[in-house]
Amino acid sequence: LRAVAAIQRDVRGLVLRGSHHLPPEIPAYIQRLVGKDAGKQPFSSTDLSYIQQGERALQRALSILQHPPSWQAEPDAGAAVSSAVLPGLGRVFRVEAVLAAPLGWLHRQLFEELEQMPRWNPTLSRVEVLQRPGEDTLVTHEVTSASPVGRRDFVSVRHRRRTQAAVYLVGTATRLERLPAQEGCIRAETRLSCIALQPLAGDPGCTRVTWLLSVDLKGWIPSAVTDRVLPRCQADFIGHLRRHLSATARC
């Protein structure tokens, strides 16, 4: 089984780097073979498309994290929020925080138990996992609660990468023909979201959280308003997460 898992990783890496460099029948054949040996269904072309979207978003986020731009503080956000204008993304906001929670707990709240998020984050009215293309990739639909800028809904690919040093949770907008915009909502788009979770050095019970966010809210909202709303949303999210952590610790 270890050998099969290793082969799967290698094959997925080849496919994600671009199966157009290989004879078209080879990736499909290897996927069927590895999927059968591992007791799992092979990826469909649609699944692979979603996984590729997630991987591209991850690589873009890692590039920003590893080669950070000149971040400018957002003094009115009420938290450690900064921003930078990046090619192809527009303004990207970054929030950093240290939470008194182990990485595994945060990982569960922000990926594995994503549909439960509206229970502790009042800015969301619904989160639904629509598809699971792979164990590290989800297609989700999120609907926001009413707010001064109106309600928005998002269809996103969410993808994770787990390493020894960190867990990366990325998201980016995708299309799903069978899910038109919801009544009373404007379909917004996440250009890029990445939450990096790292154990705090010397204290594994705490986690450093870094969240990159670039969103197009759509509709008739001036960019000046968007640039005030998004950092405030990030700061509020960290506050809701802290309160959820505190409530969970009391149980």
C-alpha atoms as a PDB file:
ATOM      1  CA  LEU A   1       0.000   0.000   0.000  1.00  0.00           C
ATOM      2  CA  ARG A   2       2.895   2.364   0.685  1.00  0.00           C
ATOM      3  CA  ALA A   3       4.263   1.674  -2.776  1.00  0.00           C
ATOM      4  CA  VAL A   4       0.860   2.334  -4.323  1.00  0.00           C
ATOM      5  CA  ALA A   5       0.530   5.576  -2.385  1.00  0.00           C
ATOM      6  CA  ALA A   6       3.968   6.665  -3.618  1.00  0.00           C
ATOM      7  CA  ILE A   7       3.014   5.849  -7.206  1.00  0.00           C
ATOM      8  CA  GLN A   8      -0.224   7.785  -6.798  1.00  0.00           C
ATOM      9  CA  ARG A   9       1.668  10.856  -5.618  1.00  0.00           C
ATOM     10  CA  ASP A  10       4.072  10.641  -8.538  1.00  0.00           C
ATOM     11  CA  VAL A  11       1.269  10.156 -11.063  1.00  0.00           C
ATOM     12  CA  ARG A  12      -0.776  12.999  -9.633  1.00  0.00           C
ATOM     13  CA  GLY A  13       2.299  15.212  -9.796  1.00  0.00           C
ATOM     14  CA  LEU A  14       2.793  14.363 -13.464  1.00  0.00           C
ATOM     15  CA  VAL A  15      -0.839  15.030 -14.268  1.00  0.00           C
ATOM     16  CA  LEU A  16      -0.944  18.274 -12.313  1.00  0.00           C
ATOM     17  CA  ARG A  17       2.205  19.508 -14.064  1.00  0.00           C
ATOM     18  CA  GLY A  18       0.473  18.929 -17.372  1.00  0.00           C
ATOM     19  CA  SER A  19      -0.584  15.603 -18.849  1.00  0.00           C
ATOM     20  CA  HIS A  20      -0.481  17.190 -22.334  1.00  0.00           C
ATOM     21  CA  HIS A  21       3.232  16.379 -22.322  1.00  0.00           C
ATOM     22  CA  LEU A  22       2.397  12.657 -22.223  1.00  0.00           C
ATOM     23  CA  PRO A  23       0.529  10.449 -24.696  1.00  0.00           C
ATOM     24  CA  PRO A  24      -3.147  10.983 -23.791  1.00  0.00           C
ATOM     25  CA  GLU A  25      -3.849   7.340 -23.089  1.00  0.00           C
ATOM     26  CA  ILE A  26      -1.051   6.990 -20.506  1.00  0.00           C
ATOM     27  CA  PRO A  27      -2.417   9.202 -17.684  1.00  0.00           C
ATOM     28  CA  ALA A  28      -5.870   7.616 -17.958  1.00  0.00           C
ATOM     29  CA  TYR A  29      -4.407   4.099 -17.955  1.00  0.00           C
ATOM     30  CA  ILE A  30      -2.159   4.771 -14.943  1.00  0.00           C
ATOM     31  CA  GLN A  31      -5.008   6.417 -13.066  1.00  0.00           C
ATOM     32  CA  ARG A  32      -7.223   3.367 -13.605  1.00  0.00           C
ATOM     33  CA  LEU A  33      -4.428   1.036 -12.553  1.00  0.00           C
ATOM     34  CA  VAL A  34      -3.441   2.978  -9.440  1.00  0.00           C
ATOM     35  CA  GLY A  35      -7.047   3.681  -8.505  1.00  0.00           C
ATOM     36  CA  LYS A  36      -7.896  -0.020  -8.739  1.00  0.00           C
ATOM     37  CA  ASP A  37      -4.879  -1.098  -6.706  1.00  0.00           C
ATOM     38  CA  ALA A  38      -5.584   1.490  -4.031  1.00  0.00           C
ATOM     39  CA  GLY A  39      -9.274   0.651  -3.840  1.00  0.00           C
ATOM     40  CA  LYS A  40     -10.191   4.158  -5.016  1.00  0.00           C
ATOM     41  CA  GLN A  41     -12.023   5.446  -8.040  1.00  0.00           C
ATOM     42  CA  PRO A  42      -9.816   7.127 -10.681  1.00  0.00           C
ATOM     43  CA  PHE A  43     -10.042  10.863 -11.211  1.00  0.00           C
ATOM     44  CA  SER A  44     -12.382  12.077 -13.919  1.00  0.00           C
ATOM     45  CA  SER A  45     -11.314  14.870 -16.246  1.00  0.00           C
ATOM     46  CA  THR A  46     -13.596  17.214 -14.282  1.00  0.00           C
ATOM     47  CA  ASP A  47     -11.997  16.164 -10.993  1.00  0.00           C
ATOM     48  CA  LEU A  48      -8.551  16.783 -12.443  1.00  0.00           C
ATOM     49  CA  SER A  49      -9.633  20.210 -13.650  1.00  0.00           C
ATOM     50  CA  TYR A  50     -10.674  21.203 -10.118  1.00  0.00           C
ATOM     51  CA  ILE A  51      -7.479  19.770  -8.619  1.00  0.00           C
ATOM     52  CA  GLN A  52      -5.414  21.695 -11.168  1.00  0.00           C
ATOM     53  CA  GLN A  53      -7.242  24.914 -10.276  1.00  0.00           C
ATOM     54  CA  GLY A  54      -6.462  24.298  -6.623  1.00  0.00           C
ATOM     55  CA  GLU A  55      -2.811  23.551  -7.340  1.00  0.00           C
ATOM     56  CA  ARG A  56      -2.423  26.696  -9.448  1.00  0.00           C
ATOM     57  CA  ALA A  57      -3.930  28.785  -6.651  1.00  0.00           C
ATOM     58  CA  LEU A  58      -1.607  27.105  -4.155  1.00  0.00           C
ATOM     59  CA  GLN A  59       1.492  27.827  -6.226  1.00  0.00           C
ATOM     60  CA  ARG A  60       0.457  31.451  -6.603  1.00  0.00           C
ATOM     61  CA  ALA A  61      -0.090  31.789  -2.849  1.00  0.00           C
ATOM     62  CA  LEU A  62       3.222  30.112  -2.021  1.00  0.00           C
ATOM     63  CA  SER A  63       4.994  32.509  -4.358  1.00  0.00           C
ATOM     64  CA  ILE A  64       3.515  35.466  -2.446  1.00  0.00           C
ATOM     65  CA  LEU A  65       4.366  33.949   0.929  1.00  0.00           C
ATOM     66  CA  GLN A  66       7.912  33.038  -0.071  1.00  0.00           C
ATOM     67  CA  HIS A  67       8.622  36.293  -1.921  1.00  0.00           C
ATOM     68  CA  PRO A  68       6.512  38.814  -0.021  1.00  0.00           C
ATOM     69  CA  PRO A  69       5.786  42.203  -1.578  1.00  0.00           C
ATOM     70  CA  SER A  70       5.997  45.485   0.307  1.00  0.00           C
ATOM     71  CA  TRP A  71       2.986  45.204   2.575  1.00  0.00           C
ATOM     72  CA  GLN A  72       1.306  48.401   3.745  1.00  0.00           C
ATOM     73  CA  ALA A  73      -0.544  48.460   7.075  1.00  0.00           C
ATOM     74  CA  GLU A  74      -4.323  48.884   7.066  1.00  0.00           C
ATOM     75  CA  PRO A  75      -4.706  51.059  10.184  1.00  0.00           C
ATOM     76  CA  ASP A  76      -8.513  51.038  10.263  1.00  0.00           C
ATOM     77  CA  ALA A  77      -8.951  47.250  10.156  1.00  0.00           C
ATOM     78  CA  GLY A  78      -8.705  46.690  13.903  1.00  0.00           C
ATOM     79  CA  ALA A  79      -6.222  43.817  13.553  1.00  0.00           C
ATOM     80  CA  ALA A  80      -2.799  43.111  12.072  1.00  0.00           C
ATOM     81  CA  VAL A  81      -3.992  43.593   8.484  1.00  0.00           C
ATOM     82  CA  SER A  82      -1.830  44.842   5.630  1.00  0.00           C
ATOM     83  CA  SER A  83      -2.213  44.991   1.853  1.00  0.00           C
ATOM     84  CA  ALA A  84      -0.338  45.161  -1.442  1.00  0.00           C
ATOM     85  CA  VAL A  85      -1.378  45.531  -5.093  1.00  0.00           C
ATOM     86  CA  LEU A  86      -0.201  42.533  -7.127  1.00  0.00           C
ATOM     87  CA  PRO A  87      -0.381  41.866 -10.893  1.00  0.00           C
ATOM     88  CA  GLY A  88      -3.375  39.773 -11.875  1.00  0.00           C
ATOM     89  CA  LEU A  89      -4.911  39.924  -8.387  1.00  0.00           C
ATOM     90  CA  GLY A  90      -5.384  43.581  -7.625  1.00  0.00           C
ATOM     91  CA  ARG A  91      -5.257  44.447  -3.942  1.00  0.00           C
ATOM     92  CA  VAL A  92      -4.381  41.498  -1.720  1.00  0.00           C
ATOM     93  CA  PHE A  93      -5.022  41.735   2.002  1.00  0.00           C
ATOM     94  CA  ARG A  94      -3.007  39.868   4.602  1.00  0.00           C
ATOM     95  CA  VAL A  95      -3.907  39.262   8.230  1.00  0.00           C
ATOM     96  CA  GLU A  96      -1.619  37.610  10.756  1.00  0.00           C
ATOM     97  CA  ALA A  97      -2.566  36.295  14.175  1.00  0.00           C
ATOM     98  CA  VAL A  98      -1.465  33.788  16.804  1.00  0.00           C
ATOM     99  CA  LEU A  99      -4.264  31.614  18.184  1.00  0.00           C
ATOM    100  CA  ALA A 100      -4.089  29.517  21.336  1.00  0.00           C
ATOM    101  CA  ALA A 101      -5.121  26.371  19.490  1.00  0.00           C
ATOM    102  CA  PRO A 102      -3.172  23.438  18.032  1.00  0.00           C
ATOM    103  CA  LEU A 103      -2.805  23.348  14.274  1.00  0.00           C
ATOM    104  CA  GLY A 104      -4.925  20.191  13.956  1.00  0.00           C
ATOM    105  CA  TRP A 105      -7.939  21.838  15.586  1.00  0.00           C
ATOM    106  CA  LEU A 106      -7.791  24.839  13.272  1.00  0.00           C
ATOM    107  CA  HIS A 107      -7.285  22.574  10.268  1.00  0.00           C
ATOM    108  CA  ARG A 108     -10.492  20.708  11.121  1.00  0.00           C
ATOM    109  CA  GLN A 109     -12.516  23.897  11.592  1.00  0.00           C
ATOM    110  CA  LEU A 110     -11.309  25.517   8.380  1.00  0.00           C
ATOM    111  CA  PHE A 111     -11.334  22.533   6.004  1.00  0.00           C
ATOM    112  CA  GLU A 112     -12.624  19.213   7.266  1.00  0.00           C
ATOM    113  CA  GLU A 113     -15.655  20.690   9.083  1.00  0.00           C
ATOM    114  CA  LEU A 114     -16.173  23.578   6.688  1.00  0.00           C
ATOM    115  CA  GLU A 115     -19.944  23.141   6.492  1.00  0.00           C
ATOM    116  CA  GLN A 116     -20.215  23.848  10.230  1.00  0.00           C
ATOM    117  CA  MET A 117     -18.626  27.283   9.866  1.00  0.00           C
ATOM    118  CA  PRO A 118     -21.904  29.292   9.896  1.00  0.00           C
ATOM    119  CA  ARG A 119     -22.499  28.004  13.435  1.00  0.00           C
ATOM    120  CA  TRP A 120     -19.665  30.158  14.733  1.00  0.00           C
ATOM    121  CA  ASN A 121     -19.144  32.684  11.926  1.00  0.00           C
ATOM    122  CA  PRO A 122     -22.285  34.857  11.680  1.00  0.00           C
ATOM    123  CA  THR A 123     -21.130  36.489   8.440  1.00  0.00           C
ATOM    124  CA  LEU A 124     -22.029  33.232   6.634  1.00  0.00           C
ATOM    125  CA  SER A 125     -25.545  31.857   6.326  1.00  0.00           C
ATOM    126  CA  ARG A 126     -24.624  28.626   4.515  1.00  0.00           C
ATOM    127  CA  VAL A 127     -21.602  26.620   3.405  1.00  0.00           C
ATOM    128  CA  GLU A 128     -22.085  23.450   1.361  1.00  0.00           C
ATOM    129  CA  VAL A 129     -19.562  21.020  -0.057  1.00  0.00           C
ATOM    130  CA  LEU A 130     -20.850  20.263  -3.562  1.00  0.00           C
ATOM    131  CA  GLN A 131     -18.129  17.898  -4.765  1.00  0.00           C
ATOM    132  CA  ARG A 132     -15.022  16.167  -3.425  1.00  0.00           C
ATOM    133  CA  PRO A 133     -12.692  15.703  -6.422  1.00  0.00           C
ATOM    134  CA  GLY A 134      -9.968  14.290  -4.167  1.00  0.00           C
ATOM    135  CA  GLU A 135      -9.122  13.994  -0.506  1.00  0.00           C
ATOM    136  CA  ASP A 136      -7.386  17.388  -0.613  1.00  0.00           C
ATOM    137  CA  THR A 137      -9.833  19.251  -2.883  1.00  0.00           C
ATOM    138  CA  LEU A 138     -13.408  20.466  -2.412  1.00  0.00           C
ATOM    139  CA  VAL A 139     -15.897  22.393  -4.526  1.00  0.00           C
ATOM    140  CA  THR A 140     -17.987  24.570  -2.225  1.00  0.00           C
ATOM    141  CA  HIS A 141     -20.863  27.015  -2.269  1.00  0.00           C
ATOM    142  CA  GLU A 142     -20.898  29.749   0.359  1.00  0.00           C
ATOM    143  CA  VAL A 143     -23.669  32.280   0.979  1.00  0.00           C
ATOM    144  CA  THR A 144     -23.032  35.340   3.117  1.00  0.00           C
ATOM    145  CA  SER A 145     -25.440  36.835   5.610  1.00  0.00           C
ATOM    146  CA  ALA A 146     -27.016  40.242   5.017  1.00  0.00           C
ATOM    147  CA  SER A 147     -24.527  43.095   5.304  1.00  0.00           C
ATOM    148  CA  PRO A 148     -24.242  46.795   4.404  1.00  0.00           C
ATOM    149  CA  VAL A 149     -22.891  45.811   0.969  1.00  0.00           C
ATOM    150  CA  GLY A 150     -25.608  43.201   0.368  1.00  0.00           C
ATOM    151  CA  ARG A 151     -25.497  39.410   0.189  1.00  0.00           C
ATOM    152  CA  ARG A 152     -22.975  37.532  -1.897  1.00  0.00           C
ATOM    153  CA  ASP A 153     -22.530  33.903  -2.847  1.00  0.00           C
ATOM    154  CA  PHE A 154     -19.341  32.163  -3.964  1.00  0.00           C
ATOM    155  CA  VAL A 155     -18.598  28.940  -5.825  1.00  0.00           C
ATOM    156  CA  SER A 156     -15.031  27.953  -5.027  1.00  0.00           C
ATOM    157  CA  VAL A 157     -12.406  25.281  -5.343  1.00  0.00           C
ATOM    158  CA  ARG A 158     -10.737  24.712  -1.983  1.00  0.00           C
ATOM    159  CA  HIS A 159      -7.467  22.844  -1.854  1.00  0.00           C
ATOM    160  CA  ARG A 160      -5.017  21.930   0.886  1.00  0.00           C
ATOM    161  CA  ARG A 161      -1.356  21.084   1.117  1.00  0.00           C
ATOM    162  CA  ARG A 162       0.048  19.497   4.273  1.00  0.00           C
ATOM    163  CA  THR A 163       3.770  19.639   4.982  1.00  0.00           C
ATOM    164  CA  GLN A 164       5.868  19.046   8.078  1.00  0.00           C
ATOM    165  CA  ALA A 165       6.150  22.779   8.615  1.00  0.00           C
ATOM    166  CA  ALA A 166       2.637  24.028   7.780  1.00  0.00           C
ATOM    167  CA  VAL A 167      -0.827  23.407   6.377  1.00  0.00           C
ATOM    168  CA  TYR A 168      -1.957  25.581   3.469  1.00  0.00           C
ATOM    169  CA  LEU A 169      -5.662  26.007   2.728  1.00  0.00           C
ATOM    170  CA  VAL A 170      -6.314  27.804  -0.549  1.00  0.00           C
ATOM    171  CA  GLY A 171      -9.437  28.828  -2.397  1.00  0.00           C
ATOM    172  CA  THR A 172     -10.268  30.304  -5.788  1.00  0.00           C
ATOM    173  CA  ALA A 173     -13.414  30.918  -7.813  1.00  0.00           C
ATOM    174  CA  THR A 174     -14.683  28.227 -10.159  1.00  0.00           C
ATOM    175  CA  ARG A 175     -17.738  27.688 -12.341  1.00  0.00           C
ATOM    176  CA  LEU A 176     -20.545  25.212 -11.903  1.00  0.00           C
ATOM    177  CA  GLU A 177     -23.195  25.424 -14.598  1.00  0.00           C
ATOM    178  CA  ARG A 178     -25.885  23.755 -12.532  1.00  0.00           C
ATOM    179  CA  LEU A 179     -25.616  26.363  -9.769  1.00  0.00           C
ATOM    180  CA  PRO A 180     -26.715  29.816 -10.945  1.00  0.00           C
ATOM    181  CA  ALA A 181     -26.509  32.825  -8.653  1.00  0.00           C
ATOM    182  CA  GLN A 182     -28.905  32.554  -5.724  1.00  0.00           C
ATOM    183  CA  GLU A 183     -31.967  34.785  -5.504  1.00  0.00           C
ATOM    184  CA  GLY A 184     -31.178  37.936  -3.568  1.00  0.00           C
ATOM    185  CA  CYS A 185     -27.417  37.368  -3.943  1.00  0.00           C
ATOM    186  CA  ILE A 186     -24.721  38.647  -6.248  1.00  0.00           C
ATOM    187  CA  ARG A 187     -22.248  36.003  -7.417  1.00  0.00           C
ATOM    188  CA  ALA A 188     -18.867  37.238  -6.211  1.00  0.00           C
ATOM    189  CA  GLU A 189     -15.477  35.705  -6.988  1.00  0.00           C
ATOM    190  CA  THR A 190     -12.524  34.835  -4.812  1.00  0.00           C
ATOM    191  CA  ARG A 191      -9.446  35.606  -6.856  1.00  0.00           C
ATOM    192  CA  LEU A 192      -7.238  34.030  -4.212  1.00  0.00           C
ATOM    193  CA  SER A 193      -7.539  32.975  -0.594  1.00  0.00           C
ATOM    194  CA  CYS A 194      -4.791  31.216   1.330  1.00  0.00           C
ATOM    195  CA  ILE A 195      -4.725  30.429   5.046  1.00  0.00           C
ATOM    196  CA  ALA A 196      -1.316  29.221   6.189  1.00  0.00           C
ATOM    197  CA  LEU A 197      -1.243  27.430   9.558  1.00  0.00           C
ATOM    198  CA  GLN A 198       2.114  27.007  11.298  1.00  0.00           C
ATOM    199  CA  PRO A 199       2.812  25.691  14.819  1.00  0.00           C
ATOM    200  CA  LEU A 200       4.249  28.434  16.982  1.00  0.00           C
ATOM    201  CA  ALA A 201       7.930  27.802  17.651  1.00  0.00           C
ATOM    202  CA  GLY A 202       8.348  26.493  21.186  1.00  0.00           C
ATOM    203  CA  ASP A 203       4.607  26.157  21.811  1.00  0.00           C
ATOM    204  CA  PRO A 204       2.814  23.501  19.745  1.00  0.00           C
ATOM    205  CA  GLY A 205      -0.432  24.425  21.498  1.00  0.00           C
ATOM    206  CA  CYS A 206      -0.493  27.709  19.585  1.00  0.00           C
ATOM    207  CA  THR A 207      -0.683  28.330  15.840  1.00  0.00           C
ATOM    208  CA  ARG A 208       0.416  31.223  13.685  1.00  0.00           C
ATOM    209  CA  VAL A 209      -2.255  32.069  11.115  1.00  0.00           C
ATOM    210  CA  THR A 210      -1.482  34.026   7.940  1.00  0.00           C
ATOM    211  CA  TRP A 211      -4.403  34.725   5.621  1.00  0.00           C
ATOM    212  CA  LEU A 212      -4.056  36.183   2.127  1.00  0.00           C
ATOM    213  CA  LEU A 213      -7.277  37.365   0.470  1.00  0.00           C
ATOM    214  CA  SER A 214      -8.212  38.940  -2.859  1.00  0.00           C
ATOM    215  CA  VAL A 215     -11.919  39.100  -3.728  1.00  0.00           C
ATOM    216  CA  ASP A 216     -14.028  40.682  -6.446  1.00  0.00           C
ATOM    217  CA  LEU A 217     -17.356  41.466  -4.758  1.00  0.00           C
ATOM    218  CA  LYS A 218     -18.977  42.370  -8.104  1.00  0.00           C
ATOM    219  CA  GLY A 219     -21.987  44.665  -8.225  1.00  0.00           C
ATOM    220  CA  TRP A 220     -21.872  48.439  -8.048  1.00  0.00           C
ATOM    221  CA  ILE A 221     -19.393  48.794  -5.198  1.00  0.00           C
ATOM    222  CA  PRO A 222     -16.570  51.342  -5.552  1.00  0.00           C
ATOM    223  CA  SER A 223     -13.099  49.938  -4.999  1.00  0.00           C
ATOM    224  CA  ALA A 224     -12.617  52.371  -2.115  1.00  0.00           C
ATOM    225  CA  VAL A 225     -15.511  50.684  -0.293  1.00  0.00           C
ATOM    226  CA  THR A 226     -14.227  47.190  -1.081  1.00  0.00           C
ATOM    227  CA  ASP A 227     -10.814  48.171   0.244  1.00  0.00           C
ATOM    228  CA  ARG A 228     -12.409  49.076   3.576  1.00  0.00           C
ATOM    229  CA  VAL A 229     -14.784  46.121   3.777  1.00  0.00           C
ATOM    230  CA  LEU A 230     -12.400  43.229   3.091  1.00  0.00           C
ATOM    231  CA  PRO A 231      -9.789  43.959   5.797  1.00  0.00           C
ATOM    232  CA  ARG A 232     -12.592  44.484   8.288  1.00  0.00           C
ATOM    233  CA  CYS A 233     -14.055  41.113   7.265  1.00  0.00           C
ATOM    234  CA  GLN A 234     -10.692  39.470   7.868  1.00  0.00           C
ATOM    235  CA  ALA A 235     -10.353  41.052  11.300  1.00  0.00           C
ATOM    236  CA  ASP A 236     -13.921  40.025  12.177  1.00  0.00           C
ATOM    237  CA  PHE A 237     -13.244  36.461  11.038  1.00  0.00           C
ATOM    238  CA  ILE A 238     -10.243  36.170  13.360  1.00  0.00           C
ATOM    239  CA  GLY A 239     -12.417  37.509  16.185  1.00  0.00           C
ATOM    240  CA  HIS A 240     -15.160  34.940  15.489  1.00  0.00           C
ATOM    241  CA  LEU A 241     -12.560  32.178  15.369  1.00  0.00           C
ATOM    242  CA  ARG A 242     -11.134  33.249  18.733  1.00  0.00           C
ATOM    243  CA  ARG A 243     -14.601  33.241  20.309  1.00  0.00           C
ATOM    244  CA  HIS A 244     -15.346  29.804  18.837  1.00  0.00           C
ATOM    245  CA  LEU A 245     -12.069  28.549  20.268  1.00  0.00           C
ATOM    246  CA  SER A 246     -12.922  29.985  23.674  1.00  0.00           C
ATOM    247  CA  ALA A 247     -16.425  28.463  23.634  1.00  0.00           C
ATOM    248  CA  THR A 248     -15.047  25.081  22.601  1.00  0.00           C
ATOM    249  CA  ALA A 249     -12.437  25.164  25.375  1.00  0.00           C
ATOM    250  CA  ARG A 250     -15.182  25.735  27.983  1.00  0.00           C
ATOM    251  CA  CYS A 251     -17.168  22.694  26.850  1.00  0.00           C
END
